[in-house]
């Protein structure tokens, strides 16, 4: 009887202790994972090649007549001394001011067409440079995104990258980024891509005429005076609205040059006794012309 009471008491104590003891509470573990997300856009399609009318086209001339060029060295030669050698050097066919041989356009409208095509090619040039910069940035983002995925995969696998693996991954990324930079097309007339993206271009201006026809004639004379300098340089006649002198016409290189190239070209002109100055041609973000600023030549 006593044994039964003792066993009953022990059982009661055990049950009471079990009721008073705290149970097992499951705990959650949160692991914070930091990762970078990079956009992975496809490359922008490049500008399609187009065939435009050349920027420079000779004005229509009367091939049945020959006149003396408007050069001092030619004008001062008397009529008695004008032999065949003189006419080969100083003779030219006069400009036909009322010609309409160019697709039914008169001379004024033809000049407008040439100017518009020059503007179009200039816009294509700027757009192409912007596309190249965008694609370079997008490729760099894709490289970084791939590196981030590899890093996260290594962390999730529970096996961190060794020093050799980390160094190999870094070298791989560097090589791809170097390849991206090499794939960016460069132009020897542009020194700084920042200038392009911020709308800064440079041009060289020289010559000043009150009559547009004289400006075209002057351009031809400059080309004959310095044929090597003008061989691969696009120069056009630019209308200038001068508040003091009124409407004038100057000769200007197309504004796709960098400042260094502009200074070099202007220096070459001055060596030929052709006065010139460098212009900074400014455009807004959508490529619209804003203003011209004269900059000091280096």
Protein backbone atom coordinates (compact mmCIF):
# COMPACT_ATOMS: atom_id res chain seq x y z
CA UNK A 1 0.00 0.00 0.00
CA UNK A 2 2.86 2.32 0.86
CA UNK A 3 4.58 1.50 -2.47
CA UNK A 4 1.45 2.39 -4.38
CA UNK A 5 1.25 5.75 -2.64
CA UNK A 6 4.93 6.50 -3.35
CA UNK A 7 4.56 5.63 -7.03
CA UNK A 8 1.43 7.72 -7.25
CA UNK A 9 3.22 10.68 -5.66
CA UNK A 10 6.20 10.37 -8.03
CA UNK A 11 3.92 10.15 -11.04
CA UNK A 12 2.04 13.27 -9.91
CA UNK A 13 5.30 15.18 -9.44
CA UNK A 14 6.53 14.21 -12.87
CA UNK A 15 3.28 15.26 -14.49
CA UNK A 16 3.31 18.57 -12.59
CA UNK A 17 6.91 19.25 -13.63
CA UNK A 18 6.11 18.49 -17.22
CA UNK A 19 3.21 20.92 -17.17
CA UNK A 20 5.27 23.74 -15.66
CA UNK A 21 8.31 23.33 -17.95
CA UNK A 22 8.53 25.54 -21.07
CA UNK A 23 8.12 23.88 -24.46
CA UNK A 24 10.45 24.13 -27.53
CA UNK A 25 9.89 27.25 -29.61
CA UNK A 26 11.21 27.13 -33.21
CA UNK A 27 13.34 30.11 -34.20
CA UNK A 28 13.77 31.58 -37.71
CA UNK A 29 17.12 32.72 -39.02
CA UNK A 30 17.22 35.63 -41.49
CA UNK A 31 20.22 36.01 -43.72
CA UNK A 32 20.56 39.38 -45.49
CA UNK A 33 21.83 39.10 -49.03
CA UNK A 34 23.05 42.28 -50.70
CA UNK A 35 23.15 42.24 -54.46
CA UNK A 36 23.44 44.89 -57.19
CA UNK A 37 21.08 44.97 -60.12
CA UNK A 38 22.29 46.30 -63.47
CA UNK A 39 20.11 46.93 -66.52
CA UNK A 40 20.79 44.58 -69.40
CA UNK A 41 19.42 46.39 -72.42
CA UNK A 42 20.29 45.31 -75.96
CA UNK A 43 22.51 47.54 -78.05
CA UNK A 44 20.95 50.40 -79.97
CA UNK A 45 21.01 49.82 -83.72
CA UNK A 46 23.64 51.92 -85.51
CA UNK A 47 22.80 54.59 -88.03
CA UNK A 48 22.01 53.16 -91.43
CA UNK A 49 24.46 54.32 -94.11
CA UNK A 50 22.96 56.84 -96.50
CA UNK A 51 24.25 58.30 -99.72
CA UNK A 52 23.93 62.06 -99.62
CA UNK A 53 24.73 64.70 -102.16
CA UNK A 54 28.34 65.82 -101.60
CA UNK A 55 28.69 68.74 -99.27
CA UNK A 56 30.65 70.70 -101.82
CA UNK A 57 29.48 71.08 -105.38
CA UNK A 58 30.90 73.52 -107.86
CA UNK A 59 28.52 76.24 -108.96
CA UNK A 60 27.33 76.11 -112.59
CA UNK A 61 29.68 77.84 -114.99
CA UNK A 62 29.52 79.08 -118.55
CA UNK A 63 31.95 76.75 -120.29
CA UNK A 64 31.92 78.86 -123.46
CA UNK A 65 33.63 81.81 -121.79
CA UNK A 66 36.86 82.38 -119.90
CA UNK A 67 37.53 85.25 -117.52
CA UNK A 68 40.41 86.27 -115.29
CA UNK A 69 40.31 84.97 -111.73
CA UNK A 70 39.75 87.55 -109.02
CA UNK A 71 43.31 87.30 -107.73
CA UNK A 72 45.67 90.22 -107.32
CA UNK A 73 48.50 88.32 -108.99
CA UNK A 74 46.25 87.76 -112.02
CA UNK A 75 44.54 91.15 -112.19
CA UNK A 76 47.80 93.08 -112.27
CA UNK A 77 48.97 91.34 -115.45
CA UNK A 78 48.35 93.57 -118.44
CA UNK A 79 46.42 92.30 -121.44
CA UNK A 80 49.54 92.37 -123.62
CA UNK A 81 51.31 89.94 -121.25
CA UNK A 82 48.43 87.44 -121.01
CA UNK A 83 49.76 84.43 -122.90
CA UNK A 84 48.66 80.78 -122.81
CA UNK A 85 50.56 80.14 -119.58
CA UNK A 86 48.72 83.06 -117.98
CA UNK A 87 45.29 81.75 -118.98
CA UNK A 88 46.15 78.25 -117.74
CA UNK A 89 47.03 79.74 -114.38
CA UNK A 90 44.54 82.60 -114.04
CA UNK A 91 41.68 81.67 -116.34
CA UNK A 92 38.31 80.33 -115.15
CA UNK A 93 34.83 79.88 -116.52
CA UNK A 94 32.42 82.51 -115.18
CA UNK A 95 29.61 81.54 -112.81
CA UNK A 96 26.14 81.31 -114.31
CA UNK A 97 24.03 83.12 -111.72
CA UNK A 98 20.62 82.23 -113.18
CA UNK A 99 21.28 78.57 -114.00
CA UNK A 100 18.57 75.99 -113.33
CA UNK A 101 20.42 72.91 -114.54
CA UNK A 102 20.38 71.29 -111.08
CA UNK A 103 17.11 69.33 -111.06
CA UNK A 104 15.14 72.40 -111.99
CA UNK A 105 16.47 74.55 -109.12
CA UNK A 106 17.98 77.95 -109.52
CA UNK A 107 21.33 78.76 -107.91
CA UNK A 108 19.84 80.02 -104.63
CA UNK A 109 17.70 76.94 -104.06
CA UNK A 110 20.54 74.66 -105.06
CA UNK A 111 22.72 76.26 -102.38
CA UNK A 112 19.91 75.65 -99.88
CA UNK A 113 19.81 71.96 -100.84
CA UNK A 114 23.55 71.60 -100.34
CA UNK A 115 23.33 73.35 -96.96
CA UNK A 116 20.45 71.12 -95.83
CA UNK A 117 22.32 67.95 -96.78
CA UNK A 118 25.33 69.21 -94.84
CA UNK A 119 23.13 69.71 -91.77
CA UNK A 120 21.65 66.22 -92.20
CA UNK A 121 25.05 64.57 -92.36
CA UNK A 122 26.15 66.55 -89.33
CA UNK A 123 23.12 65.31 -87.36
CA UNK A 124 23.83 61.71 -88.42
CA UNK A 125 27.41 62.09 -87.24
CA UNK A 126 26.33 63.33 -83.79
CA UNK A 127 23.66 60.64 -83.47
CA UNK A 128 26.14 57.90 -84.33
CA UNK A 129 28.52 59.11 -81.62
CA UNK A 130 25.72 59.12 -79.07
CA UNK A 131 24.70 55.59 -80.10
CA UNK A 132 28.27 54.36 -79.66
CA UNK A 133 28.47 55.88 -76.18
CA UNK A 134 25.11 54.36 -75.15
CA UNK A 135 26.13 50.92 -76.40
CA UNK A 136 29.45 51.13 -74.58
CA UNK A 137 27.63 51.87 -71.32
CA UNK A 138 25.11 49.09 -71.88
CA UNK A 139 27.81 46.54 -72.56
CA UNK A 140 29.58 47.61 -69.36
CA UNK A 141 26.34 47.09 -67.44
CA UNK A 142 25.92 43.61 -68.90
CA UNK A 143 29.48 42.72 -67.86
CA UNK A 144 28.82 43.89 -64.29
CA UNK A 145 25.49 42.04 -64.18
CA UNK A 146 27.21 38.79 -65.19
CA UNK A 147 29.86 39.29 -62.51
CA UNK A 148 27.16 39.92 -59.91
CA UNK A 149 25.33 36.72 -60.87
CA UNK A 150 28.51 34.71 -60.49
CA UNK A 151 29.19 36.24 -57.09
CA UNK A 152 25.65 35.50 -55.86
CA UNK A 153 25.82 31.94 -57.17
CA UNK A 154 29.04 31.38 -55.22
CA UNK A 155 27.51 32.76 -52.02
CA UNK A 156 24.32 30.71 -52.34
CA UNK A 157 26.29 27.54 -52.91
CA UNK A 158 27.96 28.03 -49.53
CA UNK A 159 31.38 27.85 -51.16
CA UNK A 160 32.97 31.31 -51.27
CA UNK A 161 35.31 32.06 -54.12
CA UNK A 162 38.97 31.48 -53.49
CA UNK A 163 41.46 34.30 -54.02
CA UNK A 164 42.52 32.78 -57.33
CA UNK A 165 38.90 32.54 -58.50
CA UNK A 166 38.23 36.13 -57.43
CA UNK A 167 41.34 37.36 -59.24
CA UNK A 168 40.38 35.39 -62.35
CA UNK A 169 36.88 36.86 -62.30
CA UNK A 170 38.26 40.40 -61.94
CA UNK A 171 40.68 39.88 -64.83
CA UNK A 172 37.88 38.51 -66.98
CA UNK A 173 35.74 41.57 -66.28
CA UNK A 174 38.65 43.90 -67.03
CA UNK A 175 39.30 42.22 -70.38
CA UNK A 176 35.65 42.49 -71.38
CA UNK A 177 35.55 46.16 -70.39
CA UNK A 178 38.74 46.80 -72.37
CA UNK A 179 37.08 45.14 -75.34
CA UNK A 180 34.08 47.41 -74.90
CA UNK A 181 36.29 50.50 -74.95
CA UNK A 182 38.14 49.26 -78.05
CA UNK A 183 34.88 48.68 -79.87
CA UNK A 184 33.90 52.34 -79.51
CA UNK A 185 34.61 53.86 -82.90
CA UNK A 186 36.73 56.98 -82.85
CA UNK A 187 37.15 59.73 -85.41
CA UNK A 188 40.40 61.57 -85.91
CA UNK A 189 38.49 64.85 -86.05
CA UNK A 190 37.08 64.44 -82.54
CA UNK A 191 39.36 64.49 -79.50
CA UNK A 192 36.85 64.44 -76.64
CA UNK A 193 33.65 62.44 -76.53
CA UNK A 194 32.47 64.72 -73.71
CA UNK A 195 32.34 67.58 -76.22
CA UNK A 196 30.01 65.56 -78.43
CA UNK A 197 27.69 64.49 -75.65
CA UNK A 198 27.52 68.03 -74.28
CA UNK A 199 26.88 69.59 -77.68
CA UNK A 200 30.25 71.33 -78.17
CA UNK A 201 31.76 71.30 -81.63
CA UNK A 202 34.49 73.38 -83.21
CA UNK A 203 34.82 74.94 -86.63
CA UNK A 204 37.23 77.26 -88.42
CA UNK A 205 35.95 80.39 -90.15
CA UNK A 206 37.80 82.58 -92.61
CA UNK A 207 36.95 85.05 -95.35
CA UNK A 208 34.14 87.61 -95.36
CA UNK A 209 32.03 88.63 -98.36
CA UNK A 210 28.99 90.80 -98.90
CA UNK A 211 27.82 88.83 -101.94
CA UNK A 212 27.21 85.09 -101.82
CA UNK A 213 28.59 84.49 -105.30
CA UNK A 214 31.85 86.17 -104.30
CA UNK A 215 32.04 83.82 -101.32
CA UNK A 216 31.84 80.77 -103.60
CA UNK A 217 34.42 82.34 -105.88
CA UNK A 218 36.65 83.05 -102.88
CA UNK A 219 36.34 79.45 -101.70
CA UNK A 220 37.53 78.23 -105.09
CA UNK A 221 40.48 80.61 -104.92
CA UNK A 222 41.46 79.38 -101.48
CA UNK A 223 41.34 75.80 -102.71
CA UNK A 224 43.68 76.65 -105.54
CA UNK A 225 45.97 78.57 -103.19
CA UNK A 226 46.25 75.71 -100.68
CA UNK A 227 45.04 72.50 -102.40
CA UNK A 228 46.71 70.15 -99.92
CA UNK A 229 45.10 71.81 -96.90
CA UNK A 230 41.62 71.74 -98.43
CA UNK A 231 41.94 68.26 -99.95
CA UNK A 232 40.04 66.42 -97.21
CA UNK A 233 38.45 69.38 -95.43
CA UNK A 234 34.78 70.17 -96.02
CA UNK A 235 34.25 73.91 -96.24
CA UNK A 236 30.97 75.61 -97.04
CA UNK A 237 29.63 79.14 -97.41
CA UNK A 238 27.93 80.31 -94.21
CA UNK A 239 25.53 83.23 -93.96
CA UNK A 240 26.44 85.58 -91.10
CA UNK A 241 23.95 88.09 -89.68
CA UNK A 242 26.24 90.80 -88.35
CA UNK A 243 24.37 93.51 -86.37
CA UNK A 244 26.99 96.09 -87.33
CA UNK A 245 27.83 95.13 -90.91
CA UNK A 246 24.58 93.47 -91.96
CA UNK A 247 24.35 90.19 -93.85
CA UNK A 248 27.70 88.72 -94.84
CA UNK A 249 28.95 85.38 -96.10
CA UNK A 250 31.92 83.59 -94.58
CA UNK A 251 33.75 80.35 -95.28
CA UNK A 252 33.51 77.78 -92.51
CA UNK A 253 34.56 74.19 -91.97
CA UNK A 254 31.81 71.80 -90.96
CA UNK A 255 31.43 71.81 -87.14
CA UNK A 256 32.57 68.24 -86.52
CA UNK A 257 36.15 69.07 -85.58
CA UNK A 258 37.70 68.90 -82.14
CA UNK A 259 39.47 71.94 -80.79
CA UNK A 260 42.95 70.53 -81.44
CA UNK A 261 42.09 69.72 -85.07
CA UNK A 262 40.54 73.19 -85.51
CA UNK A 263 43.65 74.92 -84.17
CA UNK A 264 45.85 72.81 -86.43
CA UNK A 265 43.77 73.64 -89.50
CA UNK A 266 43.72 77.36 -88.64
CA UNK A 267 47.48 77.33 -88.13
CA UNK A 268 47.92 75.78 -91.58
CA UNK A 269 45.79 78.54 -93.10
CA UNK A 270 47.79 81.27 -91.39
CA UNK A 271 50.98 79.79 -92.79
CA UNK A 272 49.41 80.49 -96.19
CA UNK A 273 48.60 84.10 -95.12
CA UNK A 274 44.90 83.26 -94.73
CA UNK A 275 43.45 84.90 -91.63
CA UNK A 276 41.09 82.68 -89.61
CA UNK A 277 39.66 82.03 -86.16
CA UNK A 278 38.22 79.06 -84.26
CA UNK A 279 34.53 78.89 -83.36
CA UNK A 280 32.84 76.78 -80.70
CA UNK A 281 29.48 75.77 -82.18
CA UNK A 282 26.97 74.90 -79.46
CA UNK A 283 23.95 72.59 -79.75
CA UNK A 284 21.32 71.53 -77.24
CA UNK A 285 20.56 67.95 -76.16
CA UNK A 286 18.38 67.26 -79.21
CA UNK A 287 20.92 68.61 -81.68
CA UNK A 288 19.40 72.03 -82.36
CA UNK A 289 21.82 74.86 -83.02
CA UNK A 290 22.19 77.38 -80.17
CA UNK A 291 25.08 79.76 -80.75
CA UNK A 292 28.65 80.36 -81.94
CA UNK A 293 31.45 81.49 -79.64
CA UNK A 294 34.87 82.62 -80.79
CA UNK A 295 37.60 80.83 -78.83
CA UNK A 296 41.24 81.78 -78.59
CA UNK A 297 43.46 79.71 -80.82
CA UNK A 298 46.20 77.76 -79.04
